[in-house]
């Protein structure tokens, strides 16, 4: 296994943006675990399969093929041969992904896929349980946090930029509900690993967060 960096934290802390930038700067393969769970939610919703319908969900999981393709501008997410990069980032998926990502059958399918990506690459992964479950022996672990209000403000701005109609209050409520679900779920709950370094991005710019985490990585990896 190559060098592994694990970045965990709740929704809206900037994990995805930060992780992509670090991956590019340091030449690491980016594992977007959140996108993988979003793919499950998207496919289930399209097939009208609910989380409690385990047999039907298992059939979906057995047939799923997820690929990440790096373009000059972004890392695209492909599901069963279809580019779903935009489809998995809607408010509907935001509000429902935790219903599927908390299921044991889904975790049992996704975790081995995530680990396999690190078998022959140096990687950086971000999500909720990357440092606690997926890569418990990661070389570097960071827990990226942020105030709930700031997280809601960032996500609200993202929605507006995408033309998604909503209100700040709706986004804040969704952020609160997701945090409660993620931290209280029985399987792979969101928590800071004991050996993870806390980085609070509330009053930091993206560039400042990237610099901070890269300095932590470089110290460990002798870059």
C-alpha atoms as a PDB file:
ATOM      1  CA  UNK A   1       0.000   0.000   0.000  1.00  0.00           C
ATOM      2  CA  UNK A   2       1.195   3.507  -0.818  1.00  0.00           C
ATOM      3  CA  UNK A   3       1.235   6.624   1.338  1.00  0.00           C
ATOM      4  CA  UNK A   4      -2.294   7.318   2.647  1.00  0.00           C
ATOM      5  CA  UNK A   5      -3.819  10.611   3.787  1.00  0.00           C
ATOM      6  CA  UNK A   6      -7.283  10.487   5.405  1.00  0.00           C
ATOM      7  CA  UNK A   7      -9.412  13.603   5.774  1.00  0.00           C
ATOM      8  CA  UNK A   8     -12.691  13.273   7.666  1.00  0.00           C
ATOM      9  CA  UNK A   9     -15.295  15.781   8.757  1.00  0.00           C
ATOM     10  CA  UNK A  10     -18.925  16.836   8.440  1.00  0.00           C
ATOM     11  CA  UNK A  11     -20.631  18.205   5.315  1.00  0.00           C
ATOM     12  CA  UNK A  12     -19.795  21.743   4.247  1.00  0.00           C
ATOM     13  CA  UNK A  13     -16.313  22.016   5.755  1.00  0.00           C
ATOM     14  CA  UNK A  14     -14.654  22.200   2.336  1.00  0.00           C
ATOM     15  CA  UNK A  15     -13.221  18.670   2.392  1.00  0.00           C
ATOM     16  CA  UNK A  16     -13.839  17.982  -1.277  1.00  0.00           C
ATOM     17  CA  UNK A  17     -12.345  21.223  -2.585  1.00  0.00           C
ATOM     18  CA  UNK A  18      -9.364  21.058  -0.239  1.00  0.00           C
ATOM     19  CA  UNK A  19      -8.650  17.382  -0.934  1.00  0.00           C
ATOM     20  CA  UNK A  20      -8.715  17.870  -4.703  1.00  0.00           C
ATOM     21  CA  UNK A  21      -6.266  20.763  -4.477  1.00  0.00           C
ATOM     22  CA  UNK A  22      -3.892  18.832  -2.211  1.00  0.00           C
ATOM     23  CA  UNK A  23      -4.054  15.773  -4.478  1.00  0.00           C
ATOM     24  CA  UNK A  24      -3.034  17.903  -7.453  1.00  0.00           C
ATOM     25  CA  UNK A  25      -0.296  19.750  -5.563  1.00  0.00           C
ATOM     26  CA  UNK A  26       1.304  16.610  -4.091  1.00  0.00           C
ATOM     27  CA  UNK A  27       0.589  14.110  -6.862  1.00  0.00           C
ATOM     28  CA  UNK A  28      -1.759  11.933  -4.821  1.00  0.00           C
ATOM     29  CA  UNK A  29      -4.705   9.920  -6.166  1.00  0.00           C
ATOM     30  CA  UNK A  30      -7.960  11.459  -4.914  1.00  0.00           C
ATOM     31  CA  UNK A  31     -10.552   9.066  -3.452  1.00  0.00           C
ATOM     32  CA  UNK A  32     -13.927  10.792  -3.149  1.00  0.00           C
ATOM     33  CA  UNK A  33     -15.725   8.350  -0.829  1.00  0.00           C
ATOM     34  CA  UNK A  34     -18.700  10.683  -0.515  1.00  0.00           C
ATOM     35  CA  UNK A  35     -19.255  10.567  -4.267  1.00  0.00           C
ATOM     36  CA  UNK A  36     -19.383   6.775  -4.106  1.00  0.00           C
ATOM     37  CA  UNK A  37     -22.174   6.827  -1.540  1.00  0.00           C
ATOM     38  CA  UNK A  38     -23.957   9.504  -3.541  1.00  0.00           C
ATOM     39  CA  UNK A  39     -23.859   7.152  -6.530  1.00  0.00           C
ATOM     40  CA  UNK A  40     -25.640   4.504  -4.464  1.00  0.00           C
ATOM     41  CA  UNK A  41     -28.312   7.004  -3.433  1.00  0.00           C
ATOM     42  CA  UNK A  42     -28.740   8.246  -7.018  1.00  0.00           C
ATOM     43  CA  UNK A  43     -29.112   4.748  -8.454  1.00  0.00           C
ATOM     44  CA  UNK A  44     -31.542   3.688  -5.717  1.00  0.00           C
ATOM     45  CA  UNK A  45     -33.703   6.768  -6.196  1.00  0.00           C
ATOM     46  CA  UNK A  46     -33.732   6.270  -9.978  1.00  0.00           C
ATOM     47  CA  UNK A  47     -34.792   2.646  -9.496  1.00  0.00           C
ATOM     48  CA  UNK A  48     -37.326   3.676  -6.810  1.00  0.00           C
ATOM     49  CA  UNK A  49     -35.644   1.443  -4.227  1.00  0.00           C
ATOM     50  CA  UNK A  50     -35.920   2.493  -0.594  1.00  0.00           C
ATOM     51  CA  UNK A  51     -33.192   1.880   2.039  1.00  0.00           C
ATOM     52  CA  UNK A  52     -35.246  -0.820   3.790  1.00  0.00           C
ATOM     53  CA  UNK A  53     -35.647  -2.848   0.590  1.00  0.00           C
ATOM     54  CA  UNK A  54     -32.462  -4.826   1.158  1.00  0.00           C
ATOM     55  CA  UNK A  55     -32.868  -7.433  -1.598  1.00  0.00           C
ATOM     56  CA  UNK A  56     -33.449  -4.846  -4.293  1.00  0.00           C
ATOM     57  CA  UNK A  57     -30.621  -2.694  -2.938  1.00  0.00           C
ATOM     58  CA  UNK A  58     -28.206  -5.632  -2.990  1.00  0.00           C
ATOM     59  CA  UNK A  59     -29.076  -6.206  -6.647  1.00  0.00           C
ATOM     60  CA  UNK A  60     -28.230  -2.565  -7.385  1.00  0.00           C
ATOM     61  CA  UNK A  61     -24.931  -2.804  -5.501  1.00  0.00           C
ATOM     62  CA  UNK A  62     -23.921  -5.999  -7.311  1.00  0.00           C
ATOM     63  CA  UNK A  63     -24.302  -4.294 -10.690  1.00  0.00           C
ATOM     64  CA  UNK A  64     -22.754  -0.942  -9.801  1.00  0.00           C
ATOM     65  CA  UNK A  65     -19.521   0.172 -11.450  1.00  0.00           C
ATOM     66  CA  UNK A  66     -18.048   3.461 -10.256  1.00  0.00           C
ATOM     67  CA  UNK A  67     -15.120   5.156 -11.993  1.00  0.00           C
ATOM     68  CA  UNK A  68     -13.248   8.402 -11.372  1.00  0.00           C
ATOM     69  CA  UNK A  69     -11.884  10.121 -14.480  1.00  0.00           C
ATOM     70  CA  UNK A  70      -9.512  13.064 -14.165  1.00  0.00           C
ATOM     71  CA  UNK A  71      -9.941  15.807 -16.765  1.00  0.00           C
ATOM     72  CA  UNK A  72      -7.915  18.997 -17.035  1.00  0.00           C
ATOM     73  CA  UNK A  73     -10.487  20.823 -14.927  1.00  0.00           C
ATOM     74  CA  UNK A  74     -12.246  18.334 -12.622  1.00  0.00           C
ATOM     75  CA  UNK A  75     -12.434  14.740 -11.489  1.00  0.00           C
ATOM     76  CA  UNK A  76     -15.525  13.262 -13.100  1.00  0.00           C
ATOM     77  CA  UNK A  77     -17.659  10.574 -11.472  1.00  0.00           C
ATOM     78  CA  UNK A  78     -18.993   7.841 -13.750  1.00  0.00           C
ATOM     79  CA  UNK A  79     -21.697   5.401 -12.715  1.00  0.00           C
ATOM     80  CA  UNK A  80     -22.360   2.370 -14.914  1.00  0.00           C
ATOM     81  CA  UNK A  81     -20.857   4.150 -17.914  1.00  0.00           C
ATOM     82  CA  UNK A  82     -22.705   7.436 -17.357  1.00  0.00           C
ATOM     83  CA  UNK A  83     -21.201  10.741 -16.239  1.00  0.00           C
ATOM     84  CA  UNK A  84     -23.064  11.602 -13.009  1.00  0.00           C
ATOM     85  CA  UNK A  85     -20.701  14.290 -11.711  1.00  0.00           C
ATOM     86  CA  UNK A  86     -23.502  16.877 -11.568  1.00  0.00           C
ATOM     87  CA  UNK A  87     -26.379  14.488 -10.831  1.00  0.00           C
ATOM     88  CA  UNK A  88     -24.956  13.387  -7.475  1.00  0.00           C
ATOM     89  CA  UNK A  89     -24.588  16.975  -6.199  1.00  0.00           C
ATOM     90  CA  UNK A  90     -28.250  17.954  -5.953  1.00  0.00           C
ATOM     91  CA  UNK A  91     -30.187  18.949  -2.848  1.00  0.00           C
ATOM     92  CA  UNK A  92     -32.248  15.748  -3.118  1.00  0.00           C
ATOM     93  CA  UNK A  93     -29.125  13.585  -2.950  1.00  0.00           C
ATOM     94  CA  UNK A  94     -27.782  15.760  -0.109  1.00  0.00           C
ATOM     95  CA  UNK A  95     -30.920  15.083   1.923  1.00  0.00           C
ATOM     96  CA  UNK A  96     -31.070  11.334   1.245  1.00  0.00           C
ATOM     97  CA  UNK A  97     -27.507  10.044   0.925  1.00  0.00           C
ATOM     98  CA  UNK A  98     -27.162   9.331   4.660  1.00  0.00           C
ATOM     99  CA  UNK A  99     -30.124   6.948   4.527  1.00  0.00           C
ATOM    100  CA  UNK A 100     -28.087   4.714   2.240  1.00  0.00           C
ATOM    101  CA  UNK A 101     -24.523   5.351   3.432  1.00  0.00           C
ATOM    102  CA  UNK A 102     -25.470   4.224   6.958  1.00  0.00           C
ATOM    103  CA  UNK A 103     -26.457   0.735   5.742  1.00  0.00           C
ATOM    104  CA  UNK A 104     -24.120  -2.188   6.418  1.00  0.00           C
ATOM    105  CA  UNK A 105     -24.641  -3.723   2.967  1.00  0.00           C
ATOM    106  CA  UNK A 106     -23.613  -0.440   1.323  1.00  0.00           C
ATOM    107  CA  UNK A 107     -20.535  -0.030   3.539  1.00  0.00           C
ATOM    108  CA  UNK A 108     -19.560  -3.654   2.939  1.00  0.00           C
ATOM    109  CA  UNK A 109     -19.563  -2.959  -0.802  1.00  0.00           C
ATOM    110  CA  UNK A 110     -17.839   0.434  -0.817  1.00  0.00           C
ATOM    111  CA  UNK A 111     -15.093   0.061   1.797  1.00  0.00           C
ATOM    112  CA  UNK A 112     -13.170  -2.709  -0.074  1.00  0.00           C
ATOM    113  CA  UNK A 113     -13.383  -0.662  -3.296  1.00  0.00           C
ATOM    114  CA  UNK A 114     -11.893   2.339  -1.502  1.00  0.00           C
ATOM    115  CA  UNK A 115      -9.083   0.252   0.012  1.00  0.00           C
ATOM    116  CA  UNK A 116      -8.298  -1.316  -3.347  1.00  0.00           C
ATOM    117  CA  UNK A 117      -7.550   2.116  -4.806  1.00  0.00           C
ATOM    118  CA  UNK A 118      -4.683   2.479  -2.318  1.00  0.00           C
ATOM    119  CA  UNK A 119      -3.069  -0.876  -3.046  1.00  0.00           C
ATOM    120  CA  UNK A 120      -0.794   0.478  -5.742  1.00  0.00           C
ATOM    121  CA  UNK A 121      -1.131   4.257  -5.313  1.00  0.00           C
ATOM    122  CA  UNK A 122      -0.359   6.976  -2.809  1.00  0.00           C
ATOM    123  CA  UNK A 123      -3.811   8.362  -2.078  1.00  0.00           C
ATOM    124  CA  UNK A 124      -5.754  11.051  -0.274  1.00  0.00           C
ATOM    125  CA  UNK A 125      -9.313  10.180   0.693  1.00  0.00           C
ATOM    126  CA  UNK A 126     -12.047  12.268   2.249  1.00  0.00           C
ATOM    127  CA  UNK A 127     -15.323  11.367   3.855  1.00  0.00           C
ATOM    128  CA  UNK A 128     -16.788  10.480   7.246  1.00  0.00           C
ATOM    129  CA  UNK A 129     -14.925   7.287   8.202  1.00  0.00           C
ATOM    130  CA  UNK A 130     -11.762   7.338   6.074  1.00  0.00           C
ATOM    131  CA  UNK A 131      -9.408   7.581   9.034  1.00  0.00           C
ATOM    132  CA  UNK A 132     -11.482   5.508  11.457  1.00  0.00           C
ATOM    133  CA  UNK A 133     -12.700   2.602   9.286  1.00  0.00           C
ATOM    134  CA  UNK A 134     -11.439   2.634   5.689  1.00  0.00           C
ATOM    135  CA  UNK A 135      -7.782   3.440   6.445  1.00  0.00           C
ATOM    136  CA  UNK A 136      -7.321   3.105  10.221  1.00  0.00           C
ATOM    137  CA  UNK A 137      -3.540   2.926   9.690  1.00  0.00           C
ATOM    138  CA  UNK A 138      -3.339   5.981   7.407  1.00  0.00           C
ATOM    139  CA  UNK A 139      -0.010   7.811   7.475  1.00  0.00           C
ATOM    140  CA  UNK A 140      -1.751  11.158   8.034  1.00  0.00           C
ATOM    141  CA  UNK A 141      -5.189  11.752   9.528  1.00  0.00           C
ATOM    142  CA  UNK A 142      -6.925  15.127   9.576  1.00  0.00           C
ATOM    143  CA  UNK A 143     -10.333  15.985  10.996  1.00  0.00           C
ATOM    144  CA  UNK A 144     -11.610  19.070   9.178  1.00  0.00           C
ATOM    145  CA  UNK A 145     -14.284  20.902  11.148  1.00  0.00           C
ATOM    146  CA  UNK A 146     -16.200  24.164  10.884  1.00  0.00           C
ATOM    147  CA  UNK A 147     -19.096  25.906  12.637  1.00  0.00           C
ATOM    148  CA  UNK A 148     -22.532  24.713  11.532  1.00  0.00           C
ATOM    149  CA  UNK A 149     -23.570  28.217  10.460  1.00  0.00           C
ATOM    150  CA  UNK A 150     -20.489  28.650   8.282  1.00  0.00           C
ATOM    151  CA  UNK A 151     -21.020  25.223   6.735  1.00  0.00           C
ATOM    152  CA  UNK A 152     -24.608  26.132   5.868  1.00  0.00           C
ATOM    153  CA  UNK A 153     -23.490  29.460   4.399  1.00  0.00           C
ATOM    154  CA  UNK A 154     -20.936  27.734   2.146  1.00  0.00           C
ATOM    155  CA  UNK A 155     -23.384  25.081   0.967  1.00  0.00           C
ATOM    156  CA  UNK A 156     -26.067  27.735   0.345  1.00  0.00           C
ATOM    157  CA  UNK A 157     -23.664  29.687  -1.879  1.00  0.00           C
ATOM    158  CA  UNK A 158     -22.833  26.490  -3.787  1.00  0.00           C
ATOM    159  CA  UNK A 159     -26.526  25.894  -4.463  1.00  0.00           C
ATOM    160  CA  UNK A 160     -27.047  29.453  -5.666  1.00  0.00           C
ATOM    161  CA  UNK A 161     -24.084  29.149  -8.037  1.00  0.00           C
ATOM    162  CA  UNK A 162     -25.647  25.986  -9.461  1.00  0.00           C
ATOM    163  CA  UNK A 163     -29.052  27.656  -9.829  1.00  0.00           C
ATOM    164  CA  UNK A 164     -30.663  25.484  -7.155  1.00  0.00           C
ATOM    165  CA  UNK A 165     -33.540  27.289  -5.451  1.00  0.00           C
ATOM    166  CA  UNK A 166     -33.480  27.047  -1.667  1.00  0.00           C
ATOM    167  CA  UNK A 167     -33.094  29.187   1.435  1.00  0.00           C
ATOM    168  CA  UNK A 168     -30.278  29.510   3.956  1.00  0.00           C
ATOM    169  CA  UNK A 169     -32.653  28.260   6.666  1.00  0.00           C
ATOM    170  CA  UNK A 170     -33.452  25.094   4.694  1.00  0.00           C
ATOM    171  CA  UNK A 171     -29.773  24.404   4.099  1.00  0.00           C
ATOM    172  CA  UNK A 172     -28.911  24.977   7.775  1.00  0.00           C
ATOM    173  CA  UNK A 173     -31.642  22.585   8.863  1.00  0.00           C
ATOM    174  CA  UNK A 174     -30.375  19.958   6.427  1.00  0.00           C
ATOM    175  CA  UNK A 175     -26.817  20.434   7.721  1.00  0.00           C
ATOM    176  CA  UNK A 176     -28.050  19.923  11.299  1.00  0.00           C
ATOM    177  CA  UNK A 177     -30.046  16.808  10.376  1.00  0.00           C
ATOM    178  CA  UNK A 178     -27.124  15.302   8.449  1.00  0.00           C
ATOM    179  CA  UNK A 179     -24.707  15.923  11.313  1.00  0.00           C
ATOM    180  CA  UNK A 180     -27.087  14.267  13.774  1.00  0.00           C
ATOM    181  CA  UNK A 181     -27.576  11.263  11.477  1.00  0.00           C
ATOM    182  CA  UNK A 182     -23.863  10.908  10.728  1.00  0.00           C
ATOM    183  CA  UNK A 183     -22.693  11.102  14.330  1.00  0.00           C
ATOM    184  CA  UNK A 184     -25.439   8.920  15.810  1.00  0.00           C
ATOM    185  CA  UNK A 185     -25.614   6.117  13.252  1.00  0.00           C
ATOM    186  CA  UNK A 186     -24.622   2.651  14.413  1.00  0.00           C
ATOM    187  CA  UNK A 187     -22.285   1.782  11.529  1.00  0.00           C
ATOM    188  CA  UNK A 188     -19.163   3.893  10.878  1.00  0.00           C
ATOM    189  CA  UNK A 189     -20.361   7.062  12.653  1.00  0.00           C
ATOM    190  CA  UNK A 190     -18.625  10.367  12.007  1.00  0.00           C
ATOM    191  CA  UNK A 191     -16.034  11.009  14.704  1.00  0.00           C
ATOM    192  CA  UNK A 192     -12.509  12.321  15.034  1.00  0.00           C
ATOM    193  CA  UNK A 193      -9.957   9.522  15.144  1.00  0.00           C
ATOM    194  CA  UNK A 194      -7.799   9.607  18.251  1.00  0.00           C
ATOM    195  CA  UNK A 195      -4.664  10.217  16.192  1.00  0.00           C
ATOM    196  CA  UNK A 196      -6.242  12.727  13.784  1.00  0.00           C
ATOM    197  CA  UNK A 197      -5.111  16.360  13.765  1.00  0.00           C
ATOM    198  CA  UNK A 198      -8.002  18.825  14.128  1.00  0.00           C
ATOM    199  CA  UNK A 199      -8.167  21.685  11.615  1.00  0.00           C
ATOM    200  CA  UNK A 200     -10.991  24.197  12.138  1.00  0.00           C
ATOM    201  CA  UNK A 201     -11.698  26.000   8.865  1.00  0.00           C
ATOM    202  CA  UNK A 202     -14.391  28.375  10.204  1.00  0.00           C
ATOM    203  CA  UNK A 203     -12.255  31.493   9.876  1.00  0.00           C
ATOM    204  CA  UNK A 204      -9.832  30.204   7.234  1.00  0.00           C
ATOM    205  CA  UNK A 205      -9.766  30.599   3.470  1.00  0.00           C
ATOM    206  CA  UNK A 206      -9.504  27.531   1.253  1.00  0.00           C
ATOM    207  CA  UNK A 207      -5.884  28.433   0.471  1.00  0.00           C
ATOM    208  CA  UNK A 208      -5.074  28.665   4.189  1.00  0.00           C
ATOM    209  CA  UNK A 209      -6.638  25.254   4.869  1.00  0.00           C
ATOM    210  CA  UNK A 210      -4.717  23.702   1.961  1.00  0.00           C
ATOM    211  CA  UNK A 211      -1.432  25.192   3.216  1.00  0.00           C
ATOM    212  CA  UNK A 212      -2.094  23.977   6.749  1.00  0.00           C
ATOM    213  CA  UNK A 213      -2.888  20.384   5.746  1.00  0.00           C
ATOM    214  CA  UNK A 214      -0.069  20.223   3.184  1.00  0.00           C
ATOM    215  CA  UNK A 215       2.407  21.275   5.875  1.00  0.00           C
ATOM    216  CA  UNK A 216       1.119  18.444   8.076  1.00  0.00           C
ATOM    217  CA  UNK A 217       1.489  15.939   5.207  1.00  0.00           C
ATOM    218  CA  UNK A 218       4.950  17.151   4.224  1.00  0.00           C
ATOM    219  CA  UNK A 219       6.171  16.831   7.793  1.00  0.00           C
ATOM    220  CA  UNK A 220       5.033  13.194   7.890  1.00  0.00           C
ATOM    221  CA  UNK A 221       6.059  12.214   4.370  1.00  0.00           C
ATOM    222  CA  UNK A 222       9.275  14.207   4.013  1.00  0.00           C
ATOM    223  CA  UNK A 223       8.053  15.788   0.759  1.00  0.00           C
END
